[in-house]
């Protein structure tokens, strides 16, 4: 019985080395958790900044493409048959292409 009481008392009032080990371990765990928190928050911030930079780059690229398309269509309107023949192009006589009759779209839907 005395042995059991002694064990309970030793657990109730731990030695200073045990308390010091638990406190140091707690601080280490806390330091690791804070490090993970700072790392993940930093990653989120850098990812948001990178996303915004990418979006700005996409917008400027789309703007440049749009202006090139407008320029292309403006130049395309100004080309004449004579200019095309001057650079060696000629009008095709044997064109193979499919054309749709004006009412064909409605009859295709009925066949399915």
PDB file of N, CA and C in Angstrom:
ATOM      1  N   UNK A   1       0.811  -1.189   0.000  1.00  0.00           N
ATOM      2  CA  UNK A   1       0.000   0.000   0.000  1.00  0.00           C
ATOM      3  C   UNK A   1       0.864   1.266   0.000  1.00  0.00           C
ATOM      4  N   UNK A   2       1.928   1.241   0.818  1.00  0.00           N
ATOM      5  CA  UNK A   2       2.824   2.391   0.886  1.00  0.00           C
ATOM      6  C   UNK A   2       3.494   2.623  -0.462  1.00  0.00           C
ATOM      7  N   UNK A   3       3.756   1.535  -1.152  1.00  0.00           N
ATOM      8  CA  UNK A   3       4.403   1.622  -2.459  1.00  0.00           C
ATOM      9  C   UNK A   3       3.485   2.329  -3.459  1.00  0.00           C
ATOM     10  N   UNK A   4       2.192   2.008  -3.409  1.00  0.00           N
ATOM     11  CA  UNK A   4       1.224   2.649  -4.309  1.00  0.00           C
ATOM     12  C   UNK A   4       1.079   4.136  -3.994  1.00  0.00           C
ATOM     13  N   UNK A   5       1.055   4.471  -2.720  1.00  0.00           N
ATOM     14  CA  UNK A   5       0.942   5.866  -2.306  1.00  0.00           C
ATOM     15  C   UNK A   5       2.178   6.636  -2.760  1.00  0.00           C
ATOM     16  N   UNK A   6       3.338   6.011  -2.642  1.00  0.00           N
ATOM     17  CA  UNK A   6       4.579   6.669  -3.068  1.00  0.00           C
ATOM     18  C   UNK A   6       4.558   6.933  -4.583  1.00  0.00           C
ATOM     19  N   UNK A   7       4.046   5.986  -5.370  1.00  0.00           N
ATOM     20  CA  UNK A   7       3.955   6.162  -6.826  1.00  0.00           C
ATOM     21  C   UNK A   7       3.003   7.307  -7.178  1.00  0.00           C
ATOM     22  N   UNK A   8       1.871   7.360  -6.486  1.00  0.00           N
ATOM     23  CA  UNK A   8       0.891   8.414  -6.749  1.00  0.00           C
ATOM     24  C   UNK A   8       1.460   9.779  -6.387  1.00  0.00           C
ATOM     25  N   UNK A   9       2.180   9.859  -5.276  1.00  0.00           N
ATOM     26  CA  UNK A   9       2.780  11.135  -4.869  1.00  0.00           C
ATOM     27  C   UNK A   9       3.882  11.559  -5.843  1.00  0.00           C
ATOM     28  N   UNK A  10       4.633  10.599  -6.354  1.00  0.00           N
ATOM     29  CA  UNK A  10       5.690  10.962  -7.299  1.00  0.00           C
ATOM     30  C   UNK A  10       5.087  11.457  -8.615  1.00  0.00           C
ATOM     31  N   UNK A  11       3.924  10.931  -9.000  1.00  0.00           N
ATOM     32  CA  UNK A  11       3.248  11.421 -10.195  1.00  0.00           C
ATOM     33  C   UNK A  11       2.598  12.782  -9.960  1.00  0.00           C
ATOM     34  N   UNK A  12       2.108  13.005  -8.734  1.00  0.00           N
ATOM     35  CA  UNK A  12       1.428  14.258  -8.419  1.00  0.00           C
ATOM     36  C   UNK A  12       2.418  15.424  -8.351  1.00  0.00           C
ATOM     37  N   UNK A  13       3.622  15.177  -7.905  1.00  0.00           N
ATOM     38  CA  UNK A  13       4.639  16.237  -7.841  1.00  0.00           C
ATOM     39  C   UNK A  13       5.878  15.751  -8.599  1.00  0.00           C
ATOM     40  N   UNK A  14       5.896  15.995  -9.906  1.00  0.00           N
ATOM     41  CA  UNK A  14       7.000  15.491 -10.720  1.00  0.00           C
ATOM     42  C   UNK A  14       8.307  16.216 -10.411  1.00  0.00           C
ATOM     43  N   UNK A  15       9.389  15.593 -10.821  1.00  0.00           N
ATOM     44  CA  UNK A  15      10.709  16.174 -10.588  1.00  0.00           C
ATOM     45  C   UNK A  15      10.918  17.367 -11.524  1.00  0.00           C
ATOM     46  N   UNK A  16      11.857  18.207 -11.162  1.00  0.00           N
ATOM     47  CA  UNK A  16      12.105  19.412 -11.938  1.00  0.00           C
ATOM     48  C   UNK A  16      12.614  19.067 -13.340  1.00  0.00           C
ATOM     49  N   UNK A  17      13.380  18.023 -13.486  1.00  0.00           N
ATOM     50  CA  UNK A  17      13.897  17.649 -14.814  1.00  0.00           C
ATOM     51  C   UNK A  17      12.760  17.217 -15.734  1.00  0.00           C
ATOM     52  N   UNK A  18      11.760  16.552 -15.171  1.00  0.00           N
ATOM     53  CA  UNK A  18      10.614  16.137 -15.976  1.00  0.00           C
ATOM     54  C   UNK A  18       9.818  17.352 -16.434  1.00  0.00           C
ATOM     55  N   UNK A  19       9.604  18.280 -15.545  1.00  0.00           N
ATOM     56  CA  UNK A  19       8.862  19.496 -15.886  1.00  0.00           C
ATOM     57  C   UNK A  19       9.631  20.297 -16.937  1.00  0.00           C
ATOM     58  N   UNK A  20      10.936  20.403 -16.758  1.00  0.00           N
ATOM     59  CA  UNK A  20      11.757  21.145 -17.708  1.00  0.00           C
ATOM     60  C   UNK A  20      11.696  20.484 -19.094  1.00  0.00           C
ATOM     61  N   UNK A  21      11.730  19.167 -19.156  1.00  0.00           N
ATOM     62  CA  UNK A  21      11.650  18.449 -20.428  1.00  0.00           C
ATOM     63  C   UNK A  21      10.309  18.710 -21.111  1.00  0.00           C
ATOM     64  N   UNK A  22       9.238  18.685 -20.345  1.00  0.00           N
ATOM     65  CA  UNK A  22       7.912  18.914 -20.914  1.00  0.00           C
ATOM     66  C   UNK A  22       7.795  20.352 -21.432  1.00  0.00           C
ATOM     67  N   UNK A  23       8.300  21.314 -20.689  1.00  0.00           N
ATOM     68  CA  UNK A  23       8.218  22.721 -21.103  1.00  0.00           C
ATOM     69  C   UNK A  23       9.050  22.963 -22.358  1.00  0.00           C
ATOM     70  N   UNK A  24      10.258  22.427 -22.405  1.00  0.00           N
ATOM     71  CA  UNK A  24      11.118  22.601 -23.576  1.00  0.00           C
ATOM     72  C   UNK A  24      10.477  21.927 -24.799  1.00  0.00           C
ATOM     73  N   UNK A  25       9.919  20.740 -24.594  1.00  0.00           N
ATOM     74  CA  UNK A  25       9.233  20.050 -25.697  1.00  0.00           C
ATOM     75  C   UNK A  25       8.033  20.865 -26.186  1.00  0.00           C
ATOM     76  N   UNK A  26       7.304  21.451 -25.271  1.00  0.00           N
ATOM     77  CA  UNK A  26       6.165  22.287 -25.642  1.00  0.00           C
ATOM     78  C   UNK A  26       6.586  23.497 -26.462  1.00  0.00           C
ATOM     79  N   UNK A  27       7.674  24.147 -26.055  1.00  0.00           N
ATOM     80  CA  UNK A  27       8.178  25.285 -26.822  1.00  0.00           C
ATOM     81  C   UNK A  27       8.660  24.860 -28.209  1.00  0.00           C
ATOM     82  N   UNK A  28       9.279  23.695 -28.285  1.00  0.00           N
ATOM     83  CA  UNK A  28       9.730  23.199 -29.595  1.00  0.00           C
ATOM     84  C   UNK A  28       8.539  22.945 -30.519  1.00  0.00           C
ATOM     85  N   UNK A  29       7.506  22.314 -29.995  1.00  0.00           N
ATOM     86  CA  UNK A  29       6.307  22.057 -30.793  1.00  0.00           C
ATOM     87  C   UNK A  29       5.664  23.375 -31.204  1.00  0.00           C
ATOM     88  N   UNK A  30       5.607  24.323 -30.299  1.00  0.00           N
ATOM     89  CA  UNK A  30       5.046  25.631 -30.610  1.00  0.00           C
ATOM     90  C   UNK A  30       5.859  26.338 -31.697  1.00  0.00           C
ATOM     91  N   UNK A  31       7.181  26.247 -31.607  1.00  0.00           N
ATOM     92  CA  UNK A  31       8.037  26.868 -32.625  1.00  0.00           C
ATOM     93  C   UNK A  31       7.814  26.233 -33.992  1.00  0.00           C
ATOM     94  N   UNK A  32       7.659  24.920 -34.031  1.00  0.00           N
ATOM     95  CA  UNK A  32       7.416  24.221 -35.302  1.00  0.00           C
ATOM     96  C   UNK A  32       6.059  24.643 -35.879  1.00  0.00           C
ATOM     97  N   UNK A  33       5.040  24.713 -35.048  1.00  0.00           N
ATOM     98  CA  UNK A  33       3.714  25.107 -35.517  1.00  0.00           C
ATOM     99  C   UNK A  33       3.703  26.550 -36.029  1.00  0.00           C
ATOM    100  N   UNK A  34       4.382  27.444 -35.346  1.00  0.00           N
ATOM    101  CA  UNK A  34       4.461  28.836 -35.802  1.00  0.00           C
ATOM    102  C   UNK A  34       5.216  28.914 -37.126  1.00  0.00           C
ATOM    103  N   UNK A  35       6.267  28.108 -37.256  1.00  0.00           N
ATOM    104  CA  UNK A  35       7.023  28.087 -38.514  1.00  0.00           C
ATOM    105  C   UNK A  35       6.144  27.626 -39.668  1.00  0.00           C
ATOM    106  N   UNK A  36       5.365  26.572 -39.455  1.00  0.00           N
ATOM    107  CA  UNK A  36       4.449  26.097 -40.490  1.00  0.00           C
ATOM    108  C   UNK A  36       3.415  27.172 -40.845  1.00  0.00           C
ATOM    109  N   UNK A  37       2.904  27.856 -39.848  1.00  0.00           N
ATOM    110  CA  UNK A  37       1.913  28.909 -40.084  1.00  0.00           C
ATOM    111  C   UNK A  37       2.515  30.023 -40.953  1.00  0.00           C
ATOM    112  N   UNK A  38       3.700  30.476 -40.595  1.00  0.00           N
ATOM    113  CA  UNK A  38       4.353  31.542 -41.355  1.00  0.00           C
ATOM    114  C   UNK A  38       4.641  31.064 -42.776  1.00  0.00           C
ATOM    115  N   UNK A  39       5.089  29.822 -42.920  1.00  0.00           N
ATOM    116  CA  UNK A  39       5.383  29.282 -44.254  1.00  0.00           C
ATOM    117  C   UNK A  39       4.128  29.265 -45.125  1.00  0.00           C
ATOM    118  N   UNK A  40       3.033  28.731 -44.601  1.00  0.00           N
ATOM    119  CA  UNK A  40       1.816  28.614 -45.399  1.00  0.00           C
ATOM    120  C   UNK A  40       1.196  29.981 -45.717  1.00  0.00           C
ATOM    121  N   UNK A  41       1.225  30.898 -44.780  1.00  0.00           N
ATOM    122  CA  UNK A  41       0.706  32.236 -45.056  1.00  0.00           C
ATOM    123  C   UNK A  41       1.569  32.915 -46.115  1.00  0.00           C
ATOM    124  N   UNK A  42       2.877  32.745 -46.028  1.00  0.00           N
ATOM    125  CA  UNK A  42       3.770  33.305 -47.048  1.00  0.00           C
ATOM    126  C   UNK A  42       3.518  32.716 -48.415  1.00  0.00           C
ATOM    127  N   UNK A  43       3.297  31.404 -48.474  1.00  0.00           N
ATOM    128  CA  UNK A  43       3.004  30.761 -49.756  1.00  0.00           C
ATOM    129  C   UNK A  43       1.717  31.301 -50.363  1.00  0.00           C
ATOM    130  N   UNK A  44       0.717  31.480 -49.535  1.00  0.00           N
ATOM    131  CA  UNK A  44      -0.565  31.998 -50.029  1.00  0.00           C
ATOM    132  C   UNK A  44      -0.381  33.408 -50.587  1.00  0.00           C
ATOM    133  N   UNK A  45       0.359  34.242 -49.877  1.00  0.00           N
ATOM    134  CA  UNK A  45       0.579  35.618 -50.332  1.00  0.00           C
ATOM    135  C   UNK A  45       1.334  35.618 -51.657  1.00  0.00           C
ATOM    136  N   UNK A  46       2.399  34.824 -51.757  1.00  0.00           N
ATOM    137  CA  UNK A  46       3.176  34.789 -52.999  1.00  0.00           C
ATOM    138  C   UNK A  46       2.365  34.208 -54.151  1.00  0.00           C
ATOM    139  N   UNK A  47       1.512  33.228 -53.876  1.00  0.00           N
ATOM    140  CA  UNK A  47       0.662  32.672 -54.930  1.00  0.00           C
ATOM    141  C   UNK A  47      -0.344  33.703 -55.440  1.00  0.00           C
ATOM    142  N   UNK A  48      -0.897  34.490 -54.542  1.00  0.00           N
ATOM    143  CA  UNK A  48      -1.852  35.534 -54.955  1.00  0.00           C
ATOM    144  C   UNK A  48      -1.150  36.581 -55.807  1.00  0.00           C
ATOM    145  N   UNK A  49       0.041  36.976 -55.398  1.00  0.00           N
ATOM    146  CA  UNK A  49       0.801  37.967 -56.174  1.00  0.00           C
ATOM    147  C   UNK A  49       1.147  37.400 -57.552  1.00  0.00           C
ATOM    148  N   UNK A  50       1.558  36.132 -57.601  1.00  0.00           N
ATOM    149  CA  UNK A  50       1.896  35.511 -58.887  1.00  0.00           C
ATOM    150  C   UNK A  50       0.666  35.411 -59.783  1.00  0.00           C
ATOM    151  N   UNK A  51      -0.480  35.095 -59.197  1.00  0.00           N
ATOM    152  CA  UNK A  51      -1.711  35.007 -59.984  1.00  0.00           C
ATOM    153  C   UNK A  51      -2.070  36.365 -60.570  1.00  0.00           C
ATOM    154  N   UNK A  52      -1.972  37.403 -59.781  1.00  0.00           N
ATOM    155  CA  UNK A  52      -2.293  38.747 -60.282  1.00  0.00           C
ATOM    156  C   UNK A  52      -1.319  39.175 -61.374  1.00  0.00           C
ATOM    157  N   UNK A  53      -0.058  38.825 -61.212  1.00  0.00           N
ATOM    158  CA  UNK A  53       0.935  39.141 -62.246  1.00  0.00           C
ATOM    159  C   UNK A  53       0.613  38.399 -63.531  1.00  0.00           C
ATOM    160  N   UNK A  54       0.238  37.120 -63.407  1.00  0.00           N
ATOM    161  CA  UNK A  54      -0.111  36.329 -64.587  1.00  0.00           C
ATOM    162  C   UNK A  54      -1.353  36.892 -65.267  1.00  0.00           C
ATOM    163  N   UNK A  55      -2.343  37.292 -64.487  1.00  0.00           N
ATOM    164  CA  UNK A  55      -3.551  37.870 -65.074  1.00  0.00           C
ATOM    165  C   UNK A  55      -3.237  39.164 -65.821  1.00  0.00           C
ATOM    166  N   UNK A  56      -2.372  39.993 -65.265  1.00  0.00           N
ATOM    167  CA  UNK A  56      -1.991  41.236 -65.944  1.00  0.00           C
ATOM    168  C   UNK A  56      -1.249  40.927 -67.245  1.00  0.00           C
ATOM    169  N   UNK A  57      -0.402  39.916 -67.215  1.00  0.00           N
ATOM    170  CA  UNK A  57       0.332  39.518 -68.423  1.00  0.00           C
ATOM    171  C   UNK A  57      -0.622  38.984 -69.484  1.00  0.00           C
ATOM    172  N   UNK A  58      -1.616  38.219 -69.058  1.00  0.00           N
ATOM    173  CA  UNK A  58      -2.608  37.680 -70.000  1.00  0.00           C
ATOM    174  C   UNK A  58      -3.405  38.818 -70.628  1.00  0.00           C
ATOM    175  N   UNK A  59      -3.801  39.790 -69.814  1.00  0.00           N
ATOM    176  CA  UNK A  59      -4.569  40.922 -70.346  1.00  0.00           C
ATOM    177  C   UNK A  59      -3.760  41.705 -71.376  1.00  0.00           C
ATOM    178  N   UNK A  60      -2.485  41.943 -71.088  1.00  0.00           N
ATOM    179  CA  UNK A  60      -1.673  42.699 -72.047  1.00  0.00           C
ATOM    180  C   UNK A  60      -1.441  41.886 -73.315  1.00  0.00           C
ATOM    181  N   UNK A  61      -1.279  40.570 -73.188  1.00  0.00           N
ATOM    182  CA  UNK A  61      -1.111  39.722 -74.378  1.00  0.00           C
ATOM    183  C   UNK A  61      -2.388  39.703 -75.215  1.00  0.00           C
ATOM    184  N   UNK A  62      -3.532  39.607 -74.566  1.00  0.00           N
ATOM    185  CA  UNK A  62      -4.798  39.613 -75.294  1.00  0.00           C
ATOM    186  C   UNK A  62      -5.019  40.950 -75.993  1.00  0.00           C
ATOM    187  N   UNK A  63      -4.621  42.020 -75.353  1.00  0.00           N
ATOM    188  CA  UNK A  63      -4.749  43.342 -75.970  1.00  0.00           C
ATOM    189  C   UNK A  63      -3.858  43.442 -77.205  1.00  0.00           C
ATOM    190  N   UNK A  64      -2.633  42.937 -77.098  1.00  0.00           N
ATOM    191  CA  UNK A  64      -1.719  42.975 -78.241  1.00  0.00           C
ATOM    192  C   UNK A  64      -2.249  42.113 -79.387  1.00  0.00           C
ATOM    193  N   UNK A  65      -2.793  40.948 -79.055  1.00  0.00           N
ATOM    194  CA  UNK A  65      -3.357  40.068 -80.087  1.00  0.00           C
ATOM    195  C   UNK A  65      -4.548  40.742 -80.759  1.00  0.00           C
ATOM    196  N   UNK A  66      -5.398  41.377 -79.980  1.00  0.00           N
ATOM    197  CA  UNK A  66      -6.569  42.059 -80.545  1.00  0.00           C
ATOM    198  C   UNK A  66      -6.154  43.172 -81.495  1.00  0.00           C
ATOM    199  N   UNK A  67      -5.154  43.946 -81.117  1.00  0.00           N
ATOM    200  CA  UNK A  67      -4.721  45.030 -82.001  1.00  0.00           C
ATOM    201  C   UNK A  67      -4.085  44.467 -83.273  1.00  0.00           C
ATOM    202  N   UNK A  68      -3.377  43.341 -83.164  1.00  0.00           N
ATOM    203  CA  UNK A  68      -2.819  42.707 -84.364  1.00  0.00           C
ATOM    204  C   UNK A  68      -3.922  42.173 -85.274  1.00  0.00           C
ATOM    205  N   UNK A  69      -4.973  41.623 -84.676  1.00  0.00           N
ATOM    206  CA  UNK A  69      -6.095  41.132 -85.485  1.00  0.00           C
ATOM    207  C   UNK A  69      -6.777  42.279 -86.225  1.00  0.00           C
ATOM    208  N   UNK A  70      -6.978  43.389 -85.562  1.00  0.00           N
ATOM    209  CA  UNK A  70      -7.603  44.547 -86.203  1.00  0.00           C
ATOM    210  C   UNK A  70      -6.728  45.036 -87.351  1.00  0.00           C
ATOM    211  N   UNK A  71      -5.440  45.097 -87.108  1.00  0.00           N
ATOM    212  CA  UNK A  71      -4.510  45.520 -88.164  1.00  0.00           C
ATOM    213  C   UNK A  71      -4.547  44.548 -89.346  1.00  0.00           C
ATOM    214  N   UNK A  72      -4.600  43.253 -89.047  1.00  0.00           N
ATOM    215  CA  UNK A  72      -4.668  42.236 -90.102  1.00  0.00           C
ATOM    216  C   UNK A  72      -5.923  42.407 -90.948  1.00  0.00           C
ATOM    217  N   UNK A  73      -7.064  42.570 -90.294  1.00  0.00           N
ATOM    218  CA  UNK A  73      -8.309  42.714 -91.046  1.00  0.00           C
ATOM    219  C   UNK A  73      -8.343  44.018 -91.838  1.00  0.00           C
ATOM    220  N   UNK A  74      -7.751  45.075 -91.298  1.00  0.00           N
ATOM    221  CA  UNK A  74      -7.664  46.331 -92.052  1.00  0.00           C
ATOM    222  C   UNK A  74      -6.816  46.159 -93.306  1.00  0.00           C
ATOM    223  N   UNK A  75      -5.700  45.468 -93.171  1.00  0.00           N
ATOM    224  CA  UNK A  75      -4.838  45.229 -94.328  1.00  0.00           C
ATOM    225  C   UNK A  75      -5.487  44.276 -95.321  1.00  0.00           C
ATOM    226  N   UNK A  76      -6.246  43.312 -94.813  1.00  0.00           N
ATOM    227  CA  UNK A  76      -6.912  42.337 -95.675  1.00  0.00           C
ATOM    228  C   UNK A  76      -7.968  43.010 -96.549  1.00  0.00           C
ATOM    229  N   UNK A  77      -8.636  44.027 -96.014  1.00  0.00           N
ATOM    230  CA  UNK A  77      -9.659  44.746 -96.779  1.00  0.00           C
ATOM    231  C   UNK A  77      -9.047  45.507 -97.959  1.00  0.00           C
ATOM    232  N   UNK A  78      -7.802  45.918 -97.811  1.00  0.00           N
ATOM    233  CA  UNK A  78      -7.165  46.751 -98.828  1.00  0.00           C
ATOM    234  C   UNK A  78      -6.505  45.958 -99.959  1.00  0.00           C
ATOM    235  N   UNK A  79      -6.448  44.642 -99.851  1.00  0.00           N
ATOM    236  CA  UNK A  79      -5.800  43.836-100.891  1.00  0.00           C
ATOM    237  C   UNK A  79      -6.762  43.688-102.073  1.00  0.00           C
ATOM    238  N   UNK A  80      -6.243  43.917-103.258  1.00  0.00           N
ATOM    239  CA  UNK A  80      -7.051  43.775-104.477  1.00  0.00           C
ATOM    240  C   UNK A  80      -6.540  42.573-105.264  1.00  0.00           C
ATOM    241  N   UNK A  81      -7.321  42.154-106.247  1.00  0.00           N
ATOM    242  CA  UNK A  81      -6.933  41.027-107.098  1.00  0.00           C
ATOM    243  C   UNK A  81      -5.639  41.364-107.849  1.00  0.00           C
ATOM    244  N   UNK A  82      -5.501  42.587-108.290  1.00  0.00           N
ATOM    245  CA  UNK A  82      -4.297  42.985-109.027  1.00  0.00           C
ATOM    246  C   UNK A  82      -3.056  42.891-108.149  1.00  0.00           C
ATOM    247  N   UNK A  83      -3.168  43.315-106.889  1.00  0.00           N
ATOM    248  CA  UNK A  83      -2.028  43.215-105.977  1.00  0.00           C
ATOM    249  C   UNK A  83      -1.664  41.758-105.725  1.00  0.00           C
ATOM    250  N   UNK A  84      -2.662  40.903-105.576  1.00  0.00           N
ATOM    251  CA  UNK A  84      -2.408  39.481-105.346  1.00  0.00           C
ATOM    252  C   UNK A  84      -1.723  38.856-106.554  1.00  0.00           C
ATOM    253  N   UNK A  85      -2.124  39.246-107.768  1.00  0.00           N
ATOM    254  CA  UNK A  85      -1.496  38.708-108.980  1.00  0.00           C
ATOM    255  C   UNK A  85      -0.068  39.220-109.113  1.00  0.00           C
ATOM    256  N   UNK A  86       0.212  40.412-108.638  1.00  0.00           N
ATOM    257  CA  UNK A  86       1.565  40.960-108.702  1.00  0.00           C
ATOM    258  C   UNK A  86       2.550  40.167-107.839  1.00  0.00           C
ATOM    259  N   UNK A  87       2.074  39.593-106.744  1.00  0.00           N
ATOM    260  CA  UNK A  87       2.989  38.827-105.881  1.00  0.00           C
ATOM    261  C   UNK A  87       2.969  37.337-106.212  1.00  0.00           C
ATOM    262  N   UNK A  88       2.239  36.952-107.293  1.00  0.00           N
ATOM    263  CA  UNK A  88       2.281  35.572-107.748  1.00  0.00           C
ATOM    264  C   UNK A  88       1.075  34.724-107.383  1.00  0.00           C
ATOM    265  N   UNK A  89       0.076  35.299-106.790  1.00  0.00           N
ATOM    266  CA  UNK A  89      -1.130  34.543-106.456  1.00  0.00           C
ATOM    267  C   UNK A  89      -2.075  34.567-107.647  1.00  0.00           C
ATOM    268  N   UNK A  90      -2.853  33.505-107.779  1.00  0.00           N
ATOM    269  CA  UNK A  90      -3.842  33.480-108.864  1.00  0.00           C
ATOM    270  C   UNK A  90      -5.139  32.887-108.349  1.00  0.00           C
ATOM    271  N   UNK A  91      -6.199  33.213-109.023  1.00  0.00           N
ATOM    272  CA  UNK A  91      -7.522  32.766-108.609  1.00  0.00           C
ATOM    273  C   UNK A  91      -7.675  31.292-108.949  1.00  0.00           C
ATOM    274  N   UNK A  92      -8.179  30.530-108.019  1.00  0.00           N
ATOM    275  CA  UNK A  92      -8.348  29.093-108.207  1.00  0.00           C
ATOM    276  C   UNK A  92      -9.575  28.811-109.053  1.00  0.00           C
ATOM    277  N   UNK A  93      -9.412  27.878-109.986  1.00  0.00           N
ATOM    278  CA  UNK A  93     -10.517  27.513-110.867  1.00  0.00           C
ATOM    279  C   UNK A  93     -11.198  26.225-110.398  1.00  0.00           C
ATOM    280  N   UNK A  94     -10.460  25.334-109.756  1.00  0.00           N
ATOM    281  CA  UNK A  94     -11.004  24.057-109.287  1.00  0.00           C
ATOM    282  C   UNK A  94     -11.145  24.096-107.762  1.00  0.00           C
ATOM    283  N   UNK A  95     -12.169  24.729-107.308  1.00  0.00           N
ATOM    284  CA  UNK A  95     -12.379  24.772-105.867  1.00  0.00           C
ATOM    285  C   UNK A  95     -13.259  23.614-105.439  1.00  0.00           C
ATOM    286  N   UNK A  96     -12.846  22.926-104.435  1.00  0.00           N
ATOM    287  CA  UNK A  96     -13.625  21.825-103.879  1.00  0.00           C
ATOM    288  C   UNK A  96     -14.060  22.232-102.476  1.00  0.00           C
ATOM    289  N   UNK A  97     -15.310  22.486-102.341  1.00  0.00           N
ATOM    290  CA  UNK A  97     -15.827  22.843-101.034  1.00  0.00           C
ATOM    291  C   UNK A  97     -17.289  22.444-100.969  1.00  0.00           C
ATOM    292  N   UNK A  98     -17.778  22.329 -99.769  1.00  0.00           N
ATOM    293  CA  UNK A  98     -19.177  21.962 -99.566  1.00  0.00           C
ATOM    294  C   UNK A  98     -19.955  23.213 -99.203  1.00  0.00           C
ATOM    295  N   UNK A  99     -21.140  23.310 -99.737  1.00  0.00           N
ATOM    296  CA  UNK A  99     -21.987  24.430 -99.364  1.00  0.00           C
ATOM    297  C   UNK A  99     -23.307  23.878 -98.860  1.00  0.00           C
ATOM    298  N   UNK A 100     -23.931  24.603 -98.010  1.00  0.00           N
ATOM    299  CA  UNK A 100     -25.186  24.178 -97.420  1.00  0.00           C
ATOM    300  C   UNK A 100     -26.311  24.989 -98.046  1.00  0.00           C
ATOM    301  N   UNK A 101     -27.354  24.271 -98.408  1.00  0.00           N
ATOM    302  CA  UNK A 101     -28.531  24.970 -98.912  1.00  0.00           C
ATOM    303  C   UNK A 101     -29.180  25.721 -97.760  1.00  0.00           C
ATOM    304  N   UNK A 102     -29.952  26.725 -98.045  1.00  0.00           N
ATOM    305  CA  UNK A 102     -30.502  27.566 -96.982  1.00  0.00           C
ATOM    306  C   UNK A 102     -31.439  26.808 -96.052  1.00  0.00           C
ATOM    307  N   UNK A 103     -32.145  25.785 -96.509  1.00  0.00           N
ATOM    308  CA  UNK A 103     -33.075  25.050 -95.655  1.00  0.00           C
ATOM    309  C   UNK A 103     -32.510  23.738 -95.158  1.00  0.00           C
ATOM    310  N   UNK A 104     -31.259  23.448 -95.419  1.00  0.00           N
ATOM    311  CA  UNK A 104     -30.674  22.148 -95.063  1.00  0.00           C
ATOM    312  C   UNK A 104     -30.553  21.963 -93.564  1.00  0.00           C
ATOM    313  N   UNK A 105     -30.362  23.017 -92.823  1.00  0.00           N
ATOM    314  CA  UNK A 105     -30.179  22.886 -91.375  1.00  0.00           C
ATOM    315  C   UNK A 105     -31.445  22.369 -90.714  1.00  0.00           C
ATOM    316  N   UNK A 106     -32.589  22.768 -91.195  1.00  0.00           N
ATOM    317  CA  UNK A 106     -33.843  22.332 -90.578  1.00  0.00           C
ATOM    318  C   UNK A 106     -34.150  20.875 -90.951  1.00  0.00           C
ATOM    319  N   UNK A 107     -33.760  20.432 -92.149  1.00  0.00           N
ATOM    320  CA  UNK A 107     -34.051  19.043 -92.546  1.00  0.00           C
ATOM    321  C   UNK A 107     -33.106  18.078 -91.861  1.00  0.00           C
ATOM    322  N   UNK A 108     -31.901  18.481 -91.525  1.00  0.00           N
ATOM    323  CA  UNK A 108     -30.970  17.605 -90.824  1.00  0.00           C
ATOM    324  C   UNK A 108     -31.509  17.258 -89.445  1.00  0.00           C
ATOM    325  N   UNK A 109     -32.082  18.202 -88.764  1.00  0.00           N
ATOM    326  CA  UNK A 109     -32.650  17.962 -87.443  1.00  0.00           C
ATOM    327  C   UNK A 109     -33.797  16.971 -87.485  1.00  0.00           C
ATOM    328  N   UNK A 110     -34.580  16.945 -88.606  1.00  0.00           N
ATOM    329  CA  UNK A 110     -35.700  16.016 -88.710  1.00  0.00           C
ATOM    330  C   UNK A 110     -35.234  14.601 -88.973  1.00  0.00           C
ATOM    331  N   UNK A 111     -34.085  14.441 -89.606  1.00  0.00           N
ATOM    332  CA  UNK A 111     -33.599  13.100 -89.935  1.00  0.00           C
ATOM    333  C   UNK A 111     -33.055  12.381 -88.728  1.00  0.00           C
ATOM    334  N   UNK A 112     -32.618  13.086 -87.741  1.00  0.00           N
ATOM    335  CA  UNK A 112     -32.025  12.445 -86.569  1.00  0.00           C
ATOM    336  C   UNK A 112     -33.116  12.034 -85.679  1.00  0.00           C
TER     337      UNK A 112
END
